[in-house]
Amino acid sequence: MRIFITGCKGQLGRALYEPLADHTLSGCDLPELDVTDRAAIGAAVAEFAPDVVIHAAAWTNVDGCARDPEQAYRSNTLGTQNVALACAACDAALVYISTNEVFDGEATEPYREWDPPHPINPYARSKAAGEWFVRHLLNRFYIARTAWLYAPGGRNFSNPNRIIQLADDASTSSAQGGALKVVADEIGNPTYAPDLAAAIAALIQTQAYGIYHLVNAGHCSRYEFVREVLRISGREHVPVEPISLDDFERASTPPRFAPLANTAAAALGIELRPWQKALTEYLKKSQ
């Protein structure tokens, strides 16, 4: 199978190469190619003539999207339209990587694939609009929603190494009353990029097109995730103070309760291990 990966230098893009190693791969990323350039992405996809395009490129700076919604729409919505049009032109299937943030967080149980999206921030709206283009421009697509993605080299707060760095900084100032303050009322699924990549690799073999929730099993709060990172890494002594989303000033408003339930992929036999086991493996490899 010939597979083209957008965002091939990102957390997921890099992770995809191992489980797809038996296929013929190509890809693109910034600064060499921008998916917002319709002609450029169209030409790149047409030249490679893929069977499947995995569209992992996105502007994932959630607070940045809140500060510049128009750029969010250009990157995440119109960029996705361009990739979908490129797929239509060469009859390739598309895997669009979406997010749990397309939901509003008002649910009382994990969201399933058929629950109606209701995004509440610019990043989420731009990704939901990308889903709209995929559904309306293509017949053969997989929309793969995920959450709280982390991988080696990541710098976002879902990345365990970033958490450890912040915890070590807090530990050095604990004598002066310093503590790591973490939101306790935002709930999601920490997801290890290699596990997501393996699930995508399995999914595209099925040709069972549709919407999927691909996350490590189970869910937790940001606070619980941080506490588990510190426990596994031997830093339980670091003080961690639970706070509310209302106490944490930021440009974006994330959904409070937006864990995803893997129902559709599990019916195909594609399941991701519990987030605690994935986190343990990540920390063992990275320490």
Protein backbone atom coordinates (compact mmCIF):
# COMPACT_ATOMS: atom_id res chain seq x y z
CA MET A 1 0.00 0.00 0.00
CA ARG A 2 1.20 3.51 -0.82
CA ILE A 3 0.64 5.88 2.11
CA PHE A 4 1.21 9.64 2.22
CA ILE A 5 1.48 11.29 5.67
CA THR A 6 0.91 15.01 6.23
CA GLY A 7 2.58 16.36 9.35
CA CYS A 8 5.19 13.61 9.03
CA LYS A 9 7.56 15.37 11.47
CA GLY A 10 5.00 15.71 14.27
CA GLN A 11 4.33 13.49 17.27
CA LEU A 12 1.99 11.16 15.41
CA GLY A 13 3.68 11.50 12.04
CA ARG A 14 6.98 10.22 13.39
CA ALA A 15 5.26 7.40 15.27
CA LEU A 16 3.49 6.16 12.13
CA TYR A 17 6.64 5.08 10.34
CA GLU A 18 7.28 1.98 12.47
CA PRO A 19 3.87 0.25 12.21
CA LEU A 20 3.65 1.20 8.50
CA ALA A 21 7.18 0.07 7.65
CA ASP A 22 5.96 -2.67 5.30
CA HIS A 23 4.25 -0.09 3.09
CA THR A 24 5.62 2.49 0.66
CA LEU A 25 5.65 5.80 2.50
CA SER A 26 6.02 9.47 1.71
CA GLY A 27 4.97 12.64 3.48
CA CYS A 28 5.19 16.36 3.93
CA ASP A 29 5.49 18.90 6.71
CA LEU A 30 6.40 22.50 7.36
CA PRO A 31 8.39 24.40 6.25
CA GLU A 32 8.80 22.47 3.00
CA LEU A 33 5.08 22.16 2.27
CA ASP A 34 2.04 23.81 3.83
CA VAL A 35 -1.33 22.07 3.48
CA THR A 36 -2.98 25.49 3.22
CA ASP A 37 -1.36 25.76 -0.24
CA ARG A 38 -3.96 23.89 -2.30
CA ALA A 39 -1.87 23.65 -5.44
CA ALA A 40 1.23 22.44 -3.60
CA ILE A 41 -0.49 19.73 -1.56
CA GLY A 42 -2.49 18.66 -4.58
CA ALA A 43 0.66 18.29 -6.65
CA ALA A 44 2.55 16.42 -3.91
CA VAL A 45 -0.26 13.92 -3.38
CA ALA A 46 -0.85 13.46 -7.11
CA GLU A 47 2.85 12.84 -7.77
CA PHE A 48 3.03 10.11 -5.12
CA ALA A 49 -0.35 8.60 -6.12
CA PRO A 50 -1.17 7.12 -2.69
CA ASP A 51 -3.79 4.56 -1.80
CA VAL A 52 -4.26 6.28 1.59
CA VAL A 53 -3.43 9.72 2.94
CA ILE A 54 -3.06 10.10 6.71
CA HIS A 55 -3.73 13.75 7.49
CA ALA A 56 -1.93 14.33 10.78
CA ALA A 57 -0.90 17.92 10.05
CA ALA A 58 -2.71 20.45 12.22
CA TRP A 59 -2.24 23.57 14.29
CA THR A 60 -2.65 22.00 17.72
CA ASN A 61 -1.74 25.04 19.82
CA VAL A 62 -5.18 25.29 21.41
CA ASP A 63 -4.54 28.65 23.08
CA GLY A 64 -2.93 29.96 19.90
CA CYS A 65 -6.07 29.00 18.00
CA ALA A 66 -8.16 30.92 20.53
CA ARG A 67 -6.04 34.01 19.99
CA ASP A 68 -6.12 33.68 16.18
CA PRO A 69 -9.26 31.81 15.09
CA GLU A 70 -8.82 32.77 11.44
CA GLN A 71 -5.44 31.08 11.32
CA ALA A 72 -6.98 28.05 13.03
CA TYR A 73 -9.57 27.81 10.25
CA ARG A 74 -6.94 28.29 7.56
CA SER A 75 -4.72 25.54 8.96
CA ASN A 76 -7.17 23.02 10.36
CA THR A 77 -10.27 23.52 8.22
CA LEU A 78 -9.19 24.81 4.82
CA GLY A 79 -5.98 22.79 5.01
CA THR A 80 -8.12 19.69 5.51
CA GLN A 81 -10.35 20.69 2.61
CA ASN A 82 -7.24 20.88 0.43
CA VAL A 83 -6.05 17.45 1.51
CA ALA A 84 -9.52 15.96 0.96
CA LEU A 85 -9.70 17.47 -2.54
CA ALA A 86 -6.27 16.01 -3.29
CA CYS A 87 -7.53 12.60 -2.18
CA ALA A 88 -10.63 12.94 -4.35
CA ALA A 89 -8.50 13.82 -7.37
CA CYS A 90 -6.38 10.67 -7.11
CA ASP A 91 -9.02 8.36 -5.58
CA ALA A 92 -7.19 7.90 -2.28
CA ALA A 93 -8.81 7.13 1.05
CA LEU A 94 -8.23 9.67 3.83
CA VAL A 95 -7.49 9.25 7.53
CA TYR A 96 -8.28 12.56 9.24
CA ILE A 97 -6.92 12.95 12.76
CA SER A 98 -9.46 14.80 14.89
CA THR A 99 -9.90 15.50 18.58
CA ASN A 100 -12.04 14.89 21.64
CA GLU A 101 -12.48 18.65 21.83
CA VAL A 102 -15.17 18.52 19.15
CA PHE A 103 -17.47 17.72 22.10
CA ASP A 104 -18.66 20.30 24.64
CA GLY A 105 -17.80 18.35 27.80
CA GLU A 106 -21.33 18.41 29.19
CA ALA A 107 -21.76 14.62 29.07
CA THR A 108 -21.79 12.34 32.08
CA GLU A 109 -20.20 9.35 30.32
CA PRO A 110 -17.52 8.99 27.63
CA TYR A 111 -18.52 10.15 24.16
CA ARG A 112 -19.21 7.56 21.49
CA GLU A 113 -18.54 7.91 17.78
CA TRP A 114 -22.15 8.76 16.89
CA ASP A 115 -22.63 11.46 19.52
CA PRO A 116 -23.19 14.86 17.86
CA PRO A 117 -20.20 17.22 18.06
CA HIS A 118 -20.66 20.56 19.78
CA PRO A 119 -17.30 22.38 19.90
CA ILE A 120 -16.88 25.25 22.34
CA ASN A 121 -13.52 26.80 21.39
CA PRO A 122 -11.85 27.93 18.14
CA TYR A 123 -9.44 24.99 17.92
CA ALA A 124 -12.31 22.53 18.34
CA ARG A 125 -14.50 24.40 15.84
CA SER A 126 -11.72 24.36 13.25
CA LYS A 127 -11.24 20.61 13.69
CA ALA A 128 -14.98 19.92 13.59
CA ALA A 129 -15.20 21.95 10.40
CA GLY A 130 -12.39 19.79 9.01
CA GLU A 131 -14.52 16.75 9.78
CA TRP A 132 -17.37 18.38 7.84
CA PHE A 133 -15.23 18.74 4.72
CA VAL A 134 -14.02 15.15 4.95
CA ARG A 135 -17.55 13.80 5.25
CA HIS A 136 -18.88 15.93 2.40
CA LEU A 137 -16.03 15.62 -0.09
CA LEU A 138 -15.15 11.94 0.20
CA ASN A 139 -16.82 8.55 0.28
CA ARG A 140 -13.81 6.65 1.64
CA PHE A 141 -12.53 8.13 4.87
CA TYR A 142 -11.66 7.38 8.47
CA ILE A 143 -12.14 10.16 11.00
CA ALA A 144 -9.95 9.16 13.94
CA ARG A 145 -10.56 11.24 17.06
CA THR A 146 -7.96 11.10 19.80
CA ALA A 147 -7.08 13.00 22.99
CA TRP A 148 -4.16 14.25 25.10
CA LEU A 149 -1.56 12.87 22.71
CA TYR A 150 2.04 12.54 23.87
CA ALA A 151 5.26 11.20 22.39
CA PRO A 152 9.01 11.60 22.86
CA GLY A 153 10.06 15.17 22.15
CA GLY A 154 6.66 16.73 22.76
CA ARG A 155 6.46 20.02 24.66
CA ASN A 156 2.76 20.22 25.56
CA PHE A 157 1.52 19.63 29.11
CA SER A 158 0.28 16.14 28.15
CA ASN A 159 3.92 15.14 27.67
CA PRO A 160 5.23 13.27 30.73
CA ASN A 161 8.77 14.63 30.34
CA ARG A 162 7.41 18.16 30.40
CA ILE A 163 5.47 17.31 33.56
CA ILE A 164 8.64 15.88 35.15
CA GLN A 165 10.58 19.03 34.25
CA LEU A 166 7.91 21.23 35.83
CA ALA A 167 7.76 18.96 38.88
CA ASP A 168 11.51 19.16 39.36
CA ASP A 169 11.32 22.95 39.12
CA ALA A 170 8.50 22.93 41.70
CA SER A 171 10.48 20.60 43.94
CA THR A 172 13.43 22.96 44.09
CA SER A 173 11.15 25.74 45.26
CA SER A 174 9.04 23.62 47.63
CA ALA A 175 11.00 24.86 50.63
CA GLN A 176 9.57 28.27 49.83
CA GLY A 177 6.06 26.85 49.49
CA GLY A 178 6.22 26.03 45.78
CA ALA A 179 3.86 23.40 44.37
CA LEU A 180 2.78 22.10 40.99
CA LYS A 181 -0.76 23.36 40.37
CA VAL A 182 -2.82 21.09 38.11
CA VAL A 183 -6.42 21.18 36.94
CA ALA A 184 -8.52 18.47 38.56
CA ASP A 185 -11.81 18.97 36.72
CA GLU A 186 -10.72 18.46 33.09
CA ILE A 187 -11.18 14.80 32.15
CA GLY A 188 -9.82 13.01 29.09
CA ASN A 189 -7.82 10.07 27.75
CA PRO A 190 -4.00 10.34 27.82
CA THR A 191 -2.92 8.69 24.57
CA TYR A 192 0.54 7.42 23.64
CA ALA A 193 1.35 8.28 20.01
CA PRO A 194 2.89 4.87 19.13
CA ASP A 195 -0.28 3.14 20.35
CA LEU A 196 -2.43 5.47 18.24
CA ALA A 197 -0.15 4.89 15.25
CA ALA A 198 -0.47 1.12 15.59
CA ALA A 199 -4.25 1.41 15.80
CA ILE A 200 -4.35 3.54 12.64
CA ALA A 201 -2.14 1.05 10.83
CA ALA A 202 -4.57 -1.73 11.75
CA LEU A 203 -7.63 0.37 10.88
CA ILE A 204 -6.59 1.16 7.31
CA GLN A 205 -6.27 -2.57 6.62
CA THR A 206 -9.96 -3.08 7.35
CA GLN A 207 -11.40 -0.65 4.78
CA ALA A 208 -14.21 -0.20 7.29
CA TYR A 209 -14.65 3.51 6.70
CA GLY A 210 -16.28 5.76 9.26
CA ILE A 211 -15.68 7.62 12.53
CA TYR A 212 -13.49 6.11 15.23
CA HIS A 213 -12.35 7.03 18.73
CA LEU A 214 -8.75 5.87 19.14
CA VAL A 215 -7.46 6.55 22.64
CA ASN A 216 -5.72 4.56 25.33
CA ALA A 217 -8.35 2.83 27.44
CA GLY A 218 -9.65 4.54 30.56
CA HIS A 219 -9.80 8.20 31.46
CA CYS A 220 -8.58 10.52 34.20
CA SER A 221 -8.22 14.15 35.18
CA ARG A 222 -5.14 16.21 34.40
CA TYR A 223 -4.38 16.07 38.12
CA GLU A 224 -4.62 12.27 38.24
CA PHE A 225 -2.41 11.98 35.16
CA VAL A 226 0.27 14.16 36.73
CA ARG A 227 0.13 12.22 39.99
CA GLU A 228 0.63 8.95 38.06
CA VAL A 229 3.58 10.41 36.12
CA LEU A 230 5.19 11.43 39.39
CA ARG A 231 4.48 8.07 41.04
CA ILE A 232 6.01 6.05 38.22
CA SER A 233 9.03 8.35 37.95
CA GLY A 234 9.75 8.26 41.67
CA ARG A 235 8.65 11.84 42.38
CA GLU A 236 5.69 11.28 44.68
CA HIS A 237 7.30 13.70 47.14
CA VAL A 238 6.68 16.64 44.78
CA PRO A 239 3.71 18.67 46.08
CA VAL A 240 0.79 18.84 43.65
CA GLU A 241 -2.14 21.15 44.29
CA PRO A 242 -5.46 20.42 42.53
CA ILE A 243 -7.12 23.49 41.03
CA SER A 244 -10.21 24.13 38.95
CA LEU A 245 -10.37 25.11 35.29
CA ASP A 246 -11.96 28.30 36.56
CA ASP A 247 -8.76 29.07 38.47
CA PHE A 248 -6.48 28.50 35.48
CA GLU A 249 -6.28 31.49 33.19
CA ARG A 250 -5.80 30.59 29.54
CA ALA A 251 -7.00 31.82 26.15
CA SER A 252 -8.99 28.68 25.29
CA THR A 253 -11.86 26.98 27.10
CA PRO A 254 -11.43 23.19 26.99
CA PRO A 255 -14.36 20.81 27.54
CA ARG A 256 -14.44 19.69 31.18
CA PHE A 257 -15.49 16.08 30.61
CA ALA A 258 -14.57 14.81 27.15
CA PRO A 259 -13.19 11.27 27.37
CA LEU A 260 -13.80 9.15 24.29
CA ALA A 261 -15.18 5.61 24.21
CA ASN A 262 -13.66 3.28 21.62
CA THR A 263 -16.75 1.45 20.42
CA ALA A 264 -16.41 1.24 16.63
CA ALA A 265 -12.76 0.18 16.42
CA ALA A 266 -13.16 -2.27 19.29
CA ALA A 267 -15.89 -3.98 17.26
CA LEU A 268 -13.20 -4.59 14.62
CA GLY A 269 -10.80 -5.99 17.22
CA ILE A 270 -8.73 -2.77 17.46
CA GLU A 271 -8.23 -1.75 21.08
CA LEU A 272 -5.58 0.37 22.79
CA ARG A 273 -4.17 -0.71 26.16
CA PRO A 274 -4.96 1.16 29.39
CA TRP A 275 -3.37 4.58 29.61
CA GLN A 276 -1.47 3.61 32.78
CA LYS A 277 0.37 0.78 31.00
CA ALA A 278 1.23 2.99 28.03
CA LEU A 279 2.52 5.69 30.37
CA THR A 280 4.68 3.18 32.25
CA GLU A 281 6.29 2.01 29.00
CA TYR A 282 6.88 5.57 27.85
CA LEU A 283 8.60 6.55 31.10
CA LYS A 284 10.75 3.41 31.14
CA LYS A 285 11.97 4.20 27.63
CA SER A 286 12.55 7.89 28.23
CA GLN A 287 14.29 7.86 31.63
